[in-house]
Amino acid sequence: MARVALVSDIHANIEACDTVLADIEARGIDEILCLGDVIGYGPNPRECLEKAYSFQFSLLGNHEEAVLYYAEDFNEKARRAIEWTKEQLNSPDYDKESNYRIWNYLDGMERQRVWNDVLLVHASPRNPTKEYLLPQDVRNPEKLTGIFDALDQNVCFCGHSHVPGVYTEDLSFQPARELEGGYRPDDRKCVINVGSVGQPRDGDPRACYVLFDGTTIEFVRLDYDYRTTMEKIRAIDSLPDFLADRLARGK
């Protein structure tokens, strides 16, 4: 199997997106699988969606779901960003065909996909768009066991929490920073969080994505110009400054 790139949680951050896509291209990788949340929070939703058109596919994330339907479980800051994003995707500054293409693309996103006997979701095998899987869940056997019980395959890739690493069914978690040599799935079921391209939350502000060749999972971290993204967010009244500040902290 040729290596593929798995990306997630771009969150309308075109600076991070372009940096990651350039790295993927430089490695000669043609196949990009996106696990959702191309939009939300960031200042360039249209531009990031237009980049996603070239991906093999992009799954439905909770931010796409909120834009298509309703952000009922979003906090006030995230809801403001969703409403602003909707306005950008309906902007009269663009022709109708461009707007239609965006909404048709969003409407065609799948909630999950089995690919080469690997499950791909945005959030978790149990709830593909909404359930957060976090490192502290290794201390919650009921939750983690329920998630693995819902996984029919041996390997699942997800995003959503923005914290990259590997969960295994023996209730363990290995953060990406401890897996510099890569991770090779074994007989244990595992869920791999590929991290976030556009809004990392593991204390490392660098963009994150994963390479997979069918045997080894490699986490890639890349510096990008987050200061430009922060300036763009602060210039938009509808986007809280908090969404800019967190990019510098990786939180």
Protein backbone atom coordinates (compact mmCIF):
# COMPACT_ATOMS: atom_id res chain seq x y z
CA MET A 1 0.00 0.00 0.00
CA ALA A 2 1.29 3.46 -0.91
CA ARG A 3 1.58 5.99 1.87
CA VAL A 4 -1.41 8.24 2.42
CA ALA A 5 -1.81 11.42 4.44
CA LEU A 6 -4.58 11.74 7.02
CA VAL A 7 -5.50 15.27 8.01
CA SER A 8 -8.18 16.63 10.32
CA ASP A 9 -9.43 19.80 11.97
CA ILE A 10 -8.04 22.33 9.52
CA HIS A 11 -10.51 24.82 10.98
CA ALA A 12 -10.35 27.43 8.23
CA ASN A 13 -6.66 28.06 8.90
CA ILE A 14 -5.24 28.47 5.39
CA GLU A 15 -1.68 29.17 6.58
CA ALA A 16 -1.53 25.82 8.38
CA CYS A 17 -3.37 24.07 5.56
CA ASP A 18 -1.00 25.32 2.87
CA THR A 19 2.04 24.36 4.97
CA VAL A 20 0.76 20.81 5.44
CA LEU A 21 -0.27 20.38 1.81
CA ALA A 22 3.14 21.60 0.63
CA ASP A 23 4.84 19.04 2.89
CA ILE A 24 2.58 16.26 1.62
CA GLU A 25 3.34 17.21 -1.99
CA ALA A 26 7.09 17.35 -1.30
CA ARG A 27 6.91 13.77 -0.01
CA GLY A 28 5.30 12.65 -3.28
CA ILE A 29 2.04 11.61 -1.61
CA ASP A 30 -1.04 11.88 -3.82
CA GLU A 31 -3.81 10.58 -1.56
CA ILE A 32 -5.16 12.82 1.20
CA LEU A 33 -7.96 11.63 3.49
CA CYS A 34 -9.62 14.29 5.64
CA LEU A 35 -11.41 13.42 8.88
CA GLY A 36 -13.57 16.53 9.06
CA ASP A 37 -13.75 20.07 10.44
CA VAL A 38 -12.26 21.77 7.42
CA ILE A 39 -14.17 24.83 8.63
CA GLY A 40 -15.00 26.50 11.94
CA TYR A 41 -13.07 28.89 14.21
CA GLY A 42 -10.68 30.21 11.54
CA PRO A 43 -10.76 33.14 9.09
CA ASN A 44 -10.58 31.35 5.70
CA PRO A 45 -13.39 28.77 5.41
CA ARG A 46 -13.94 29.15 1.66
CA GLU A 47 -10.26 28.88 0.80
CA CYS A 48 -9.82 25.75 2.93
CA LEU A 49 -12.89 24.07 1.45
CA GLU A 50 -11.59 24.80 -2.03
CA LYS A 51 -8.34 23.04 -1.08
CA ALA A 52 -10.38 20.09 0.19
CA TYR A 53 -11.95 19.58 -3.24
CA SER A 54 -8.70 17.88 -4.28
CA PHE A 55 -8.72 15.42 -1.37
CA GLN A 56 -9.88 11.84 -1.93
CA PHE A 57 -12.69 12.71 0.47
CA SER A 58 -13.48 14.70 3.59
CA LEU A 59 -15.71 13.29 6.29
CA LEU A 60 -18.39 15.24 8.13
CA GLY A 61 -17.06 16.96 11.23
CA ASN A 62 -19.16 18.53 13.95
CA HIS A 63 -18.47 22.00 12.51
CA GLU A 64 -19.71 21.00 9.06
CA GLU A 65 -22.68 19.39 10.78
CA ALA A 66 -23.36 22.63 12.68
CA VAL A 67 -23.18 24.73 9.51
CA LEU A 68 -25.55 22.37 7.70
CA TYR A 69 -28.01 22.02 10.58
CA TYR A 70 -27.73 23.73 13.97
CA ALA A 71 -24.92 24.33 16.48
CA GLU A 72 -27.04 23.20 19.43
CA ASP A 73 -24.21 21.85 21.57
CA PHE A 74 -21.65 24.57 20.76
CA ASN A 75 -20.50 27.13 23.30
CA GLU A 76 -21.12 30.82 22.64
CA LYS A 77 -17.69 31.49 21.09
CA ALA A 78 -17.91 28.51 18.73
CA ARG A 79 -21.50 29.37 17.80
CA ARG A 80 -20.47 32.91 16.83
CA ALA A 81 -17.78 31.46 14.59
CA ILE A 82 -20.30 29.10 12.98
CA GLU A 83 -22.73 31.90 12.19
CA TRP A 84 -19.93 33.99 10.67
CA THR A 85 -18.77 30.96 8.66
CA LYS A 86 -22.28 30.47 7.24
CA GLU A 87 -22.26 34.09 6.09
CA GLN A 88 -18.94 33.56 4.30
CA LEU A 89 -20.19 30.45 2.53
CA ASN A 90 -23.29 32.33 1.34
CA SER A 91 -21.41 35.52 0.46
CA PRO A 92 -22.90 37.55 -2.41
CA ASP A 93 -19.33 38.53 -3.28
CA TYR A 94 -19.04 35.15 -5.04
CA ASP A 95 -21.10 33.82 -7.91
CA LYS A 96 -23.97 31.44 -7.18
CA GLU A 97 -22.21 28.48 -8.79
CA SER A 98 -19.27 28.86 -6.39
CA ASN A 99 -21.61 29.00 -3.40
CA TYR A 100 -23.65 26.04 -4.65
CA ARG A 101 -20.50 23.98 -5.09
CA ILE A 102 -19.49 24.62 -1.48
CA TRP A 103 -22.88 23.63 -0.07
CA ASN A 104 -23.13 20.57 -2.30
CA TYR A 105 -19.68 19.50 -1.15
CA LEU A 106 -20.66 19.89 2.51
CA ASP A 107 -23.93 18.04 1.94
CA GLY A 108 -22.09 15.11 0.38
CA MET A 109 -19.77 14.47 3.33
CA GLU A 110 -20.09 11.02 4.93
CA ARG A 111 -20.21 10.51 8.70
CA GLN A 112 -17.75 7.61 8.50
CA ARG A 113 -15.99 5.39 6.01
CA VAL A 114 -14.30 2.00 6.09
CA TRP A 115 -11.14 2.24 3.99
CA ASN A 116 -8.75 -0.71 3.54
CA ASP A 117 -10.41 -2.35 6.57
CA VAL A 118 -9.67 0.74 8.69
CA LEU A 119 -12.47 2.83 10.18
CA LEU A 120 -12.29 6.58 9.55
CA VAL A 121 -14.42 8.97 11.61
CA HIS A 122 -14.22 12.52 12.84
CA ALA A 123 -14.86 11.90 16.54
CA SER A 124 -15.22 8.28 17.73
CA PRO A 125 -16.45 4.89 16.53
CA ARG A 126 -19.44 5.22 18.87
CA ASN A 127 -20.47 8.71 17.80
CA PRO A 128 -18.75 9.68 14.53
CA THR A 129 -19.19 13.46 14.78
CA LYS A 130 -19.56 14.42 18.44
CA GLU A 131 -17.88 12.22 21.06
CA TYR A 132 -14.56 13.51 22.41
CA LEU A 133 -11.85 10.94 23.04
CA LEU A 134 -9.28 12.47 25.40
CA PRO A 135 -6.12 11.23 27.16
CA GLN A 136 -7.82 11.30 30.57
CA ASP A 137 -10.36 8.77 29.29
CA VAL A 138 -7.87 6.00 30.08
CA ARG A 139 -9.08 6.54 33.67
CA ASN A 140 -12.68 5.99 32.55
CA PRO A 141 -12.86 2.26 31.69
CA GLU A 142 -16.59 2.34 31.02
CA LYS A 143 -16.26 5.05 28.37
CA LEU A 144 -13.16 3.66 26.68
CA THR A 145 -14.45 0.09 26.68
CA GLY A 146 -17.71 1.29 25.13
CA ILE A 147 -15.81 3.06 22.37
CA PHE A 148 -13.74 -0.02 21.55
CA ASP A 149 -16.82 -2.23 21.68
CA ALA A 150 -18.28 -0.04 18.93
CA LEU A 151 -15.17 -0.57 16.76
CA ASP A 152 -15.52 -3.58 14.44
CA GLN A 153 -12.14 -3.05 12.80
CA ASN A 154 -8.71 -3.32 14.41
CA VAL A 155 -7.70 0.27 13.61
CA CYS A 156 -9.61 3.55 13.65
CA PHE A 157 -8.37 7.03 12.75
CA CYS A 158 -10.11 10.11 14.17
CA GLY A 159 -9.64 13.79 15.00
CA HIS A 160 -11.99 16.12 16.91
CA SER A 161 -10.10 16.47 20.22
CA HIS A 162 -7.04 18.01 18.51
CA VAL A 163 -4.77 15.91 20.77
CA PRO A 164 -2.67 13.48 18.68
CA GLY A 165 -1.77 10.04 19.94
CA VAL A 166 -2.73 6.37 20.11
CA TYR A 167 -5.39 4.76 22.32
CA THR A 168 -5.41 0.99 22.73
CA GLU A 169 -8.09 -1.31 24.07
CA ASP A 170 -6.03 -2.15 27.16
CA LEU A 171 -6.89 1.38 28.34
CA SER A 172 -3.62 3.07 27.45
CA PHE A 173 -2.73 6.27 25.61
CA GLN A 174 0.57 7.21 24.00
CA PRO A 175 0.91 10.88 23.02
CA ALA A 176 2.34 11.63 19.58
CA ARG A 177 5.44 13.26 21.08
CA GLU A 178 6.46 9.85 22.49
CA LEU A 179 6.13 8.13 19.11
CA GLU A 180 8.92 9.71 17.08
CA GLY A 181 9.77 6.34 15.54
CA GLY A 182 6.17 5.83 14.52
CA TYR A 183 3.55 3.39 15.78
CA ARG A 184 2.84 -0.08 14.40
CA PRO A 185 -0.60 -1.45 15.23
CA ASP A 186 -0.56 -4.95 16.77
CA ASP A 187 -3.29 -7.40 17.78
CA ARG A 188 -4.88 -4.85 20.10
CA LYS A 189 -7.60 -2.62 18.74
CA CYS A 190 -6.37 0.98 18.52
CA VAL A 191 -7.79 4.42 17.85
CA ILE A 192 -5.33 6.94 16.41
CA ASN A 193 -6.06 10.62 16.81
CA VAL A 194 -4.26 12.33 13.94
CA GLY A 195 -4.19 15.72 15.67
CA SER A 196 -5.18 19.05 14.19
CA VAL A 197 -3.79 20.89 11.18
CA GLY A 198 -5.20 24.27 12.11
CA GLN A 199 -5.75 24.36 15.86
CA PRO A 200 -3.50 21.99 17.88
CA ARG A 201 -4.41 21.56 21.56
CA ASP A 202 -1.61 19.45 22.99
CA GLY A 203 0.59 22.38 24.00
CA ASP A 204 2.48 22.33 20.69
CA PRO A 205 1.39 25.07 18.24
CA ARG A 206 2.77 23.27 15.20
CA ALA A 207 0.36 21.83 12.64
CA CYS A 208 -0.09 18.07 12.93
CA TYR A 209 -1.06 15.31 10.52
CA VAL A 210 -0.37 11.58 10.01
CA LEU A 211 1.28 9.42 7.34
CA PHE A 212 0.19 5.78 7.02
CA ASP A 213 1.54 3.03 4.76
CA GLY A 214 -0.64 0.20 6.02
CA THR A 215 1.94 -0.82 8.60
CA THR A 216 3.42 2.23 10.33
CA ILE A 217 1.71 5.40 11.55
CA GLU A 218 3.94 8.48 11.53
CA PHE A 219 2.99 11.79 13.16
CA VAL A 220 4.29 14.89 11.38
CA ARG A 221 4.60 18.31 13.07
CA LEU A 222 5.25 21.48 11.07
CA ASP A 223 5.88 25.09 11.97
CA TYR A 224 3.60 27.51 10.15
CA ASP A 225 2.88 31.25 10.22
CA TYR A 226 0.24 31.24 12.95
CA ARG A 227 0.83 34.93 13.64
CA THR A 228 -0.73 35.82 10.28
CA THR A 229 -3.73 33.64 11.11
CA MET A 230 -4.03 35.33 14.51
CA GLU A 231 -4.02 38.79 12.90
CA LYS A 232 -6.78 37.76 10.50
CA ILE A 233 -8.97 36.44 13.32
CA ARG A 234 -8.50 39.60 15.40
CA ALA A 235 -9.52 41.72 12.40
CA ILE A 236 -12.92 39.97 12.24
CA ASP A 237 -15.33 41.28 14.87
CA SER A 238 -17.47 38.14 14.79
CA LEU A 239 -14.54 35.89 15.70
CA PRO A 240 -13.50 36.05 19.39
CA ASP A 241 -9.86 37.00 20.06
CA PHE A 242 -9.65 33.83 22.13
CA LEU A 243 -9.60 31.84 18.89
CA ALA A 244 -6.47 33.75 17.86
CA ASP A 245 -4.72 33.59 21.22
CA ARG A 246 -4.96 29.82 21.50
CA LEU A 247 -3.02 29.29 18.25
CA ALA A 248 0.18 30.61 19.82
CA ARG A 249 -0.24 28.34 22.86
CA GLY A 250 -1.37 25.21 21.08
CA LYS A 251 -4.24 24.96 23.56
